[in-house]
Amino acid sequence: LNRIDVLYLHDVDVFTHGSQAAQQKMFRQAMDEAYKAMDELRRTGEVKAIGLGVNEAQPIADAMQHGQWDAFLLAGRYTLLEQESLHTLFPAVEKHGASIVIGGPFNSGILVGGSTFNYSRAPEAVVTKVKKMAEVCARHNVPLAAAALQFPLANKLVASVIPGPRSAAELNQIFAWRETKIPAALWSDLKSEGVLDKAAPVPT
């Protein structure tokens, strides 16, 4: 390629580095060195945009204090299962002028019928919540995975979703979920059941 559209700096989070101390050391190095190099590549036009890809919201909040970013790839923290970022991170990102790309919309498997959440066995509270969501989706004859895939895209800050297919068959299934018609009543039922934030934008 003659040019890179988006260059991401990945995994400067506690999830990856195991402790707050290790993460902070890596984060400082990333901001002092990697960000400056990425900013220069953007300035010279060798990359069109720069971003940060992480599994937690806090590094994104911190990174916005160190420079100007174009996009943030946030894995698993704004999904049908989790919407805390809607109130804590998203307003700051909007003010910063960046967009959000959502990775892991299925929360590493639990929202597509698996048993894993954050790459390990899902805790009972998560299993219970997902079961209630699945029951609502079943009442409307909609696969839970289709709702999980389409939900993040309703937020105006979300530019894209990366579901991570591992095969052509999974990719075709994702396309089918993307095209699934979802009635407005499903979203309102999820909210009335208390398993979806009432303030969360939903597809129309």
C-alpha atoms as a PDB file:
ATOM      1  CA  LEU A   1       0.000   0.000   0.000  1.00  0.00           C
ATOM      2  CA  ASN A   2       1.128   3.553  -0.685  1.00  0.00           C
ATOM      3  CA  ARG A   3      -0.779   4.857   2.324  1.00  0.00           C
ATOM      4  CA  ILE A   4      -2.323   3.536   5.525  1.00  0.00           C
ATOM      5  CA  ASP A   5      -5.864   4.744   6.227  1.00  0.00           C
ATOM      6  CA  VAL A   6      -5.859   4.180   9.999  1.00  0.00           C
ATOM      7  CA  LEU A   7      -2.818   3.334  12.121  1.00  0.00           C
ATOM      8  CA  TYR A   8      -3.679   1.989  15.588  1.00  0.00           C
ATOM      9  CA  LEU A   9      -1.531   1.762  18.692  1.00  0.00           C
ATOM     10  CA  HIS A  10      -2.768  -1.345  20.515  1.00  0.00           C
ATOM     11  CA  ASP A  11      -3.151  -2.749  24.019  1.00  0.00           C
ATOM     12  CA  VAL A  12      -1.747  -0.110  26.380  1.00  0.00           C
ATOM     13  CA  ASP A  13      -4.244  -1.284  29.011  1.00  0.00           C
ATOM     14  CA  VAL A  14      -4.281  -3.169  32.309  1.00  0.00           C
ATOM     15  CA  PHE A  15      -6.094  -6.063  30.621  1.00  0.00           C
ATOM     16  CA  THR A  16      -2.993  -6.708  28.514  1.00  0.00           C
ATOM     17  CA  HIS A  17      -0.197  -5.769  30.916  1.00  0.00           C
ATOM     18  CA  GLY A  18      -1.591  -7.323  34.084  1.00  0.00           C
ATOM     19  CA  SER A  19      -1.162  -4.533  36.625  1.00  0.00           C
ATOM     20  CA  GLN A  20      -1.721  -0.812  36.970  1.00  0.00           C
ATOM     21  CA  ALA A  21       2.010  -0.193  37.446  1.00  0.00           C
ATOM     22  CA  ALA A  22       3.000  -2.107  34.305  1.00  0.00           C
ATOM     23  CA  GLN A  23       0.255  -0.458  32.314  1.00  0.00           C
ATOM     24  CA  GLN A  24       1.239   3.030  33.419  1.00  0.00           C
ATOM     25  CA  LYS A  25       4.863   2.445  32.444  1.00  0.00           C
ATOM     26  CA  MET A  26       3.859   1.184  29.000  1.00  0.00           C
ATOM     27  CA  PHE A  27       1.302   3.954  28.576  1.00  0.00           C
ATOM     28  CA  ARG A  28       3.820   6.707  29.321  1.00  0.00           C
ATOM     29  CA  GLN A  29       6.268   5.242  26.823  1.00  0.00           C
ATOM     30  CA  ALA A  30       3.502   4.946  24.241  1.00  0.00           C
ATOM     31  CA  MET A  31       2.484   8.586  24.642  1.00  0.00           C
ATOM     32  CA  ASP A  32       6.061   9.924  24.757  1.00  0.00           C
ATOM     33  CA  GLU A  33       7.348   7.907  21.815  1.00  0.00           C
ATOM     34  CA  ALA A  34       4.749   6.050  19.753  1.00  0.00           C
ATOM     35  CA  TYR A  35       2.190   8.863  19.654  1.00  0.00           C
ATOM     36  CA  LYS A  36       4.784  11.372  18.472  1.00  0.00           C
ATOM     37  CA  ALA A  37       5.898   9.049  15.677  1.00  0.00           C
ATOM     38  CA  MET A  38       2.295   8.388  14.641  1.00  0.00           C
ATOM     39  CA  ASP A  39       1.464  12.093  14.693  1.00  0.00           C
ATOM     40  CA  GLU A  40       4.412  12.780  12.392  1.00  0.00           C
ATOM     41  CA  LEU A  41       3.288  10.060   9.977  1.00  0.00           C
ATOM     42  CA  ARG A  42      -0.146  11.665   9.885  1.00  0.00           C
ATOM     43  CA  ARG A  43       1.350  15.132   9.388  1.00  0.00           C
ATOM     44  CA  THR A  44       3.365  13.967   6.395  1.00  0.00           C
ATOM     45  CA  GLY A  45       0.371  12.170   4.889  1.00  0.00           C
ATOM     46  CA  GLU A  46       1.826   8.678   5.135  1.00  0.00           C
ATOM     47  CA  VAL A  47      -1.173   7.710   7.252  1.00  0.00           C
ATOM     48  CA  LYS A  48      -4.573   9.332   7.024  1.00  0.00           C
ATOM     49  CA  ALA A  49      -5.637   8.838  10.653  1.00  0.00           C
ATOM     50  CA  ILE A  50      -4.256   7.557  13.945  1.00  0.00           C
ATOM     51  CA  GLY A  51      -5.965   5.764  16.779  1.00  0.00           C
ATOM     52  CA  LEU A  52      -5.722   3.698  19.924  1.00  0.00           C
ATOM     53  CA  GLY A  53      -6.995   0.120  20.237  1.00  0.00           C
ATOM     54  CA  VAL A  54      -7.687  -1.130  23.768  1.00  0.00           C
ATOM     55  CA  ASN A  55      -9.932  -3.365  25.880  1.00  0.00           C
ATOM     56  CA  GLU A  56     -10.726  -0.689  28.478  1.00  0.00           C
ATOM     57  CA  ALA A  57     -12.142   2.824  28.440  1.00  0.00           C
ATOM     58  CA  GLN A  58      -9.630   4.467  30.788  1.00  0.00           C
ATOM     59  CA  PRO A  59      -6.599   4.436  28.444  1.00  0.00           C
ATOM     60  CA  ILE A  60      -8.701   6.232  25.843  1.00  0.00           C
ATOM     61  CA  ALA A  61      -9.687   8.903  28.362  1.00  0.00           C
ATOM     62  CA  ASP A  62      -6.042   9.287  29.344  1.00  0.00           C
ATOM     63  CA  ALA A  63      -4.765   9.352  25.755  1.00  0.00           C
ATOM     64  CA  MET A  64      -7.010  12.269  24.872  1.00  0.00           C
ATOM     65  CA  GLN A  65      -4.973  14.354  27.331  1.00  0.00           C
ATOM     66  CA  HIS A  66      -1.761  13.626  25.413  1.00  0.00           C
ATOM     67  CA  GLY A  67      -2.651  14.483  21.842  1.00  0.00           C
ATOM     68  CA  GLN A  68      -5.220  14.580  19.064  1.00  0.00           C
ATOM     69  CA  TRP A  69      -6.592  11.234  17.921  1.00  0.00           C
ATOM     70  CA  ASP A  70      -8.912  10.416  15.033  1.00  0.00           C
ATOM     71  CA  ALA A  71     -10.383   7.093  16.124  1.00  0.00           C
ATOM     72  CA  PHE A  72     -10.515   4.744  19.078  1.00  0.00           C
ATOM     73  CA  LEU A  73     -10.964   0.997  18.751  1.00  0.00           C
ATOM     74  CA  LEU A  74     -12.728  -0.115  21.931  1.00  0.00           C
ATOM     75  CA  ALA A  75     -13.140  -3.869  22.380  1.00  0.00           C
ATOM     76  CA  GLY A  76     -16.111  -5.192  24.310  1.00  0.00           C
ATOM     77  CA  ARG A  77     -16.969  -2.118  26.366  1.00  0.00           C
ATOM     78  CA  TYR A  78     -19.913  -0.787  24.377  1.00  0.00           C
ATOM     79  CA  THR A  79     -22.074  -3.750  23.514  1.00  0.00           C
ATOM     80  CA  LEU A  80     -25.580  -5.045  24.028  1.00  0.00           C
ATOM     81  CA  LEU A  81     -24.252  -6.308  27.349  1.00  0.00           C
ATOM     82  CA  GLU A  82     -22.349  -3.191  28.511  1.00  0.00           C
ATOM     83  CA  GLN A  83     -23.177   0.488  28.044  1.00  0.00           C
ATOM     84  CA  GLU A  84     -21.290   2.270  30.831  1.00  0.00           C
ATOM     85  CA  SER A  85     -19.076   4.004  28.246  1.00  0.00           C
ATOM     86  CA  LEU A  86     -22.148   5.786  26.926  1.00  0.00           C
ATOM     87  CA  HIS A  87     -22.118   8.054  29.986  1.00  0.00           C
ATOM     88  CA  THR A  88     -18.438   8.099  30.952  1.00  0.00           C
ATOM     89  CA  LEU A  89     -16.288   7.931  27.814  1.00  0.00           C
ATOM     90  CA  PHE A  90     -18.425   8.791  24.801  1.00  0.00           C
ATOM     91  CA  PRO A  91     -19.157  12.453  25.694  1.00  0.00           C
ATOM     92  CA  ALA A  92     -15.415  13.124  26.012  1.00  0.00           C
ATOM     93  CA  VAL A  93     -14.668  11.355  22.718  1.00  0.00           C
ATOM     94  CA  GLU A  94     -17.332  13.410  20.953  1.00  0.00           C
ATOM     95  CA  LYS A  95     -15.838  16.611  22.344  1.00  0.00           C
ATOM     96  CA  HIS A  96     -12.377  15.443  21.264  1.00  0.00           C
ATOM     97  CA  GLY A  97     -13.652  15.018  17.713  1.00  0.00           C
ATOM     98  CA  ALA A  98     -12.820  11.337  17.307  1.00  0.00           C
ATOM     99  CA  SER A  99     -14.903   8.362  16.264  1.00  0.00           C
ATOM    100  CA  ILE A 100     -15.311   4.957  17.916  1.00  0.00           C
ATOM    101  CA  VAL A 101     -14.841   1.551  16.330  1.00  0.00           C
ATOM    102  CA  ILE A 102     -16.335  -1.252  18.411  1.00  0.00           C
ATOM    103  CA  GLY A 103     -14.414  -4.501  18.592  1.00  0.00           C
ATOM    104  CA  GLY A 104     -15.804  -7.629  20.186  1.00  0.00           C
ATOM    105  CA  PRO A 105     -19.530  -6.831  19.863  1.00  0.00           C
ATOM    106  CA  PHE A 106     -20.279 -10.384  21.029  1.00  0.00           C
ATOM    107  CA  ASN A 107     -18.234  -9.948  24.244  1.00  0.00           C
ATOM    108  CA  SER A 108     -15.870 -12.767  23.217  1.00  0.00           C
ATOM    109  CA  GLY A 109     -18.644 -15.302  22.699  1.00  0.00           C
ATOM    110  CA  ILE A 110     -21.385 -14.980  25.316  1.00  0.00           C
ATOM    111  CA  LEU A 111     -23.666 -13.068  22.909  1.00  0.00           C
ATOM    112  CA  VAL A 112     -23.439 -15.734  20.193  1.00  0.00           C
ATOM    113  CA  GLY A 113     -24.333 -18.685  22.355  1.00  0.00           C
ATOM    114  CA  GLY A 114     -20.884 -19.243  23.823  1.00  0.00           C
ATOM    115  CA  SER A 115     -19.848 -19.421  27.464  1.00  0.00           C
ATOM    116  CA  THR A 116     -16.954 -16.929  27.482  1.00  0.00           C
ATOM    117  CA  PHE A 117     -16.937 -13.286  28.530  1.00  0.00           C
ATOM    118  CA  ASN A 118     -13.721 -11.237  28.395  1.00  0.00           C
ATOM    119  CA  TYR A 119     -11.974 -14.373  27.111  1.00  0.00           C
ATOM    120  CA  SER A 120     -12.740 -16.458  30.192  1.00  0.00           C
ATOM    121  CA  ARG A 121     -15.749 -18.294  31.594  1.00  0.00           C
ATOM    122  CA  ALA A 122     -18.658 -15.898  32.025  1.00  0.00           C
ATOM    123  CA  PRO A 123     -19.662 -15.100  35.629  1.00  0.00           C
ATOM    124  CA  GLU A 124     -23.143 -16.086  36.758  1.00  0.00           C
ATOM    125  CA  ALA A 125     -24.459 -12.510  36.724  1.00  0.00           C
ATOM    126  CA  VAL A 126     -23.492 -12.139  33.073  1.00  0.00           C
ATOM    127  CA  VAL A 127     -25.009 -15.511  32.164  1.00  0.00           C
ATOM    128  CA  THR A 128     -28.285 -14.508  33.856  1.00  0.00           C
ATOM    129  CA  LYS A 129     -28.411 -11.162  32.039  1.00  0.00           C
ATOM    130  CA  VAL A 130     -27.691 -12.762  28.667  1.00  0.00           C
ATOM    131  CA  LYS A 131     -30.389 -15.370  29.275  1.00  0.00           C
ATOM    132  CA  LYS A 132     -32.940 -12.621  29.876  1.00  0.00           C
ATOM    133  CA  MET A 133     -31.815 -10.837  26.697  1.00  0.00           C
ATOM    134  CA  ALA A 134     -32.104 -14.058  24.721  1.00  0.00           C
ATOM    135  CA  GLU A 135     -35.638 -14.591  26.007  1.00  0.00           C
ATOM    136  CA  VAL A 136     -36.657 -11.112  24.821  1.00  0.00           C
ATOM    137  CA  CYS A 137     -35.095 -11.726  21.411  1.00  0.00           C
ATOM    138  CA  ALA A 138     -36.816 -15.104  21.125  1.00  0.00           C
ATOM    139  CA  ARG A 139     -40.204 -13.453  21.720  1.00  0.00           C
ATOM    140  CA  HIS A 140     -39.534 -11.319  18.644  1.00  0.00           C
ATOM    141  CA  ASN A 141     -38.018 -14.180  16.634  1.00  0.00           C
ATOM    142  CA  VAL A 142     -34.677 -12.352  16.381  1.00  0.00           C
ATOM    143  CA  PRO A 143     -31.302 -14.018  17.008  1.00  0.00           C
ATOM    144  CA  LEU A 144     -29.548 -12.490  20.016  1.00  0.00           C
ATOM    145  CA  ALA A 145     -26.398 -12.196  17.888  1.00  0.00           C
ATOM    146  CA  ALA A 146     -28.230 -10.045  15.326  1.00  0.00           C
ATOM    147  CA  ALA A 147     -29.299  -7.616  18.037  1.00  0.00           C
ATOM    148  CA  ALA A 148     -25.760  -7.598  19.461  1.00  0.00           C
ATOM    149  CA  LEU A 149     -24.232  -6.861  16.060  1.00  0.00           C
ATOM    150  CA  GLN A 150     -26.624  -4.062  15.131  1.00  0.00           C
ATOM    151  CA  PHE A 151     -26.912  -2.346  18.510  1.00  0.00           C
ATOM    152  CA  PRO A 152     -23.561  -0.458  18.667  1.00  0.00           C
ATOM    153  CA  LEU A 153     -24.010   1.006  15.189  1.00  0.00           C
ATOM    154  CA  ALA A 154     -27.009   3.024  16.360  1.00  0.00           C
ATOM    155  CA  ASN A 155     -24.710   5.369  18.286  1.00  0.00           C
ATOM    156  CA  LYS A 156     -23.628   8.325  16.151  1.00  0.00           C
ATOM    157  CA  LEU A 157     -20.045   8.095  17.446  1.00  0.00           C
ATOM    158  CA  VAL A 158     -19.644   4.499  16.297  1.00  0.00           C
ATOM    159  CA  ALA A 159     -18.137   4.383  12.815  1.00  0.00           C
ATOM    160  CA  SER A 160     -17.839   0.611  12.519  1.00  0.00           C
ATOM    161  CA  VAL A 161     -18.066  -2.715  14.316  1.00  0.00           C
ATOM    162  CA  ILE A 162     -15.484  -5.502  14.085  1.00  0.00           C
ATOM    163  CA  PRO A 163     -17.157  -8.858  14.836  1.00  0.00           C
ATOM    164  CA  GLY A 164     -14.065 -10.964  14.079  1.00  0.00           C
ATOM    165  CA  PRO A 165     -15.181 -13.920  11.948  1.00  0.00           C
ATOM    166  CA  ARG A 166     -12.814 -16.884  11.884  1.00  0.00           C
ATOM    167  CA  SER A 167     -14.085 -18.459   8.655  1.00  0.00           C
ATOM    168  CA  ALA A 168     -16.048 -17.741   5.488  1.00  0.00           C
ATOM    169  CA  ALA A 169     -19.069 -19.450   7.056  1.00  0.00           C
ATOM    170  CA  GLU A 170     -18.930 -17.160  10.097  1.00  0.00           C
ATOM    171  CA  LEU A 171     -18.586 -14.135   7.817  1.00  0.00           C
ATOM    172  CA  ASN A 172     -21.697 -15.174   5.882  1.00  0.00           C
ATOM    173  CA  GLN A 173     -23.561 -15.624   9.164  1.00  0.00           C
ATOM    174  CA  ILE A 174     -22.521 -12.136  10.248  1.00  0.00           C
ATOM    175  CA  PHE A 175     -23.849 -10.697   6.987  1.00  0.00           C
ATOM    176  CA  ALA A 176     -27.158 -12.454   7.656  1.00  0.00           C
ATOM    177  CA  TRP A 177     -27.348 -11.037  11.193  1.00  0.00           C
ATOM    178  CA  ARG A 178     -26.538  -7.582   9.835  1.00  0.00           C
ATOM    179  CA  GLU A 179     -29.531  -7.768   7.480  1.00  0.00           C
ATOM    180  CA  THR A 180     -31.949  -9.198  10.059  1.00  0.00           C
ATOM    181  CA  LYS A 181     -34.996  -6.981  10.514  1.00  0.00           C
ATOM    182  CA  ILE A 182     -35.406  -6.075  14.181  1.00  0.00           C
ATOM    183  CA  PRO A 183     -38.694  -4.570  15.394  1.00  0.00           C
ATOM    184  CA  ALA A 184     -38.576  -1.446  17.542  1.00  0.00           C
ATOM    185  CA  ALA A 185     -40.483  -3.337  20.239  1.00  0.00           C
ATOM    186  CA  LEU A 186     -37.483  -5.590  20.855  1.00  0.00           C
ATOM    187  CA  TRP A 187     -35.332  -2.643  21.924  1.00  0.00           C
ATOM    188  CA  SER A 188     -38.052  -1.167  24.105  1.00  0.00           C
ATOM    189  CA  ASP A 189     -38.616  -4.570  25.725  1.00  0.00           C
ATOM    190  CA  LEU A 190     -34.897  -4.911  26.507  1.00  0.00           C
ATOM    191  CA  LYS A 191     -35.028  -1.511  28.183  1.00  0.00           C
ATOM    192  CA  SER A 192     -38.197  -2.243  30.125  1.00  0.00           C
ATOM    193  CA  GLU A 193     -36.688  -5.550  31.319  1.00  0.00           C
ATOM    194  CA  GLY A 194     -33.772  -3.543  32.726  1.00  0.00           C
ATOM    195  CA  VAL A 195     -31.069  -5.239  30.629  1.00  0.00           C
ATOM    196  CA  LEU A 196     -30.379  -2.313  28.286  1.00  0.00           C
ATOM    197  CA  ASP A 197     -29.576   1.269  29.297  1.00  0.00           C
ATOM    198  CA  LYS A 198     -32.675   3.405  28.762  1.00  0.00           C
ATOM    199  CA  ALA A 199     -30.524   6.194  27.313  1.00  0.00           C
ATOM    200  CA  ALA A 200     -28.798   3.993  24.733  1.00  0.00           C
ATOM    201  CA  PRO A 201     -29.528   4.835  21.093  1.00  0.00           C
ATOM    202  CA  VAL A 202     -31.056   1.892  19.249  1.00  0.00           C
ATOM    203  CA  PRO A 203     -31.400   1.054  15.547  1.00  0.00           C
ATOM    204  CA  THR A 204     -34.451   2.408  13.754  1.00  0.00           C
END
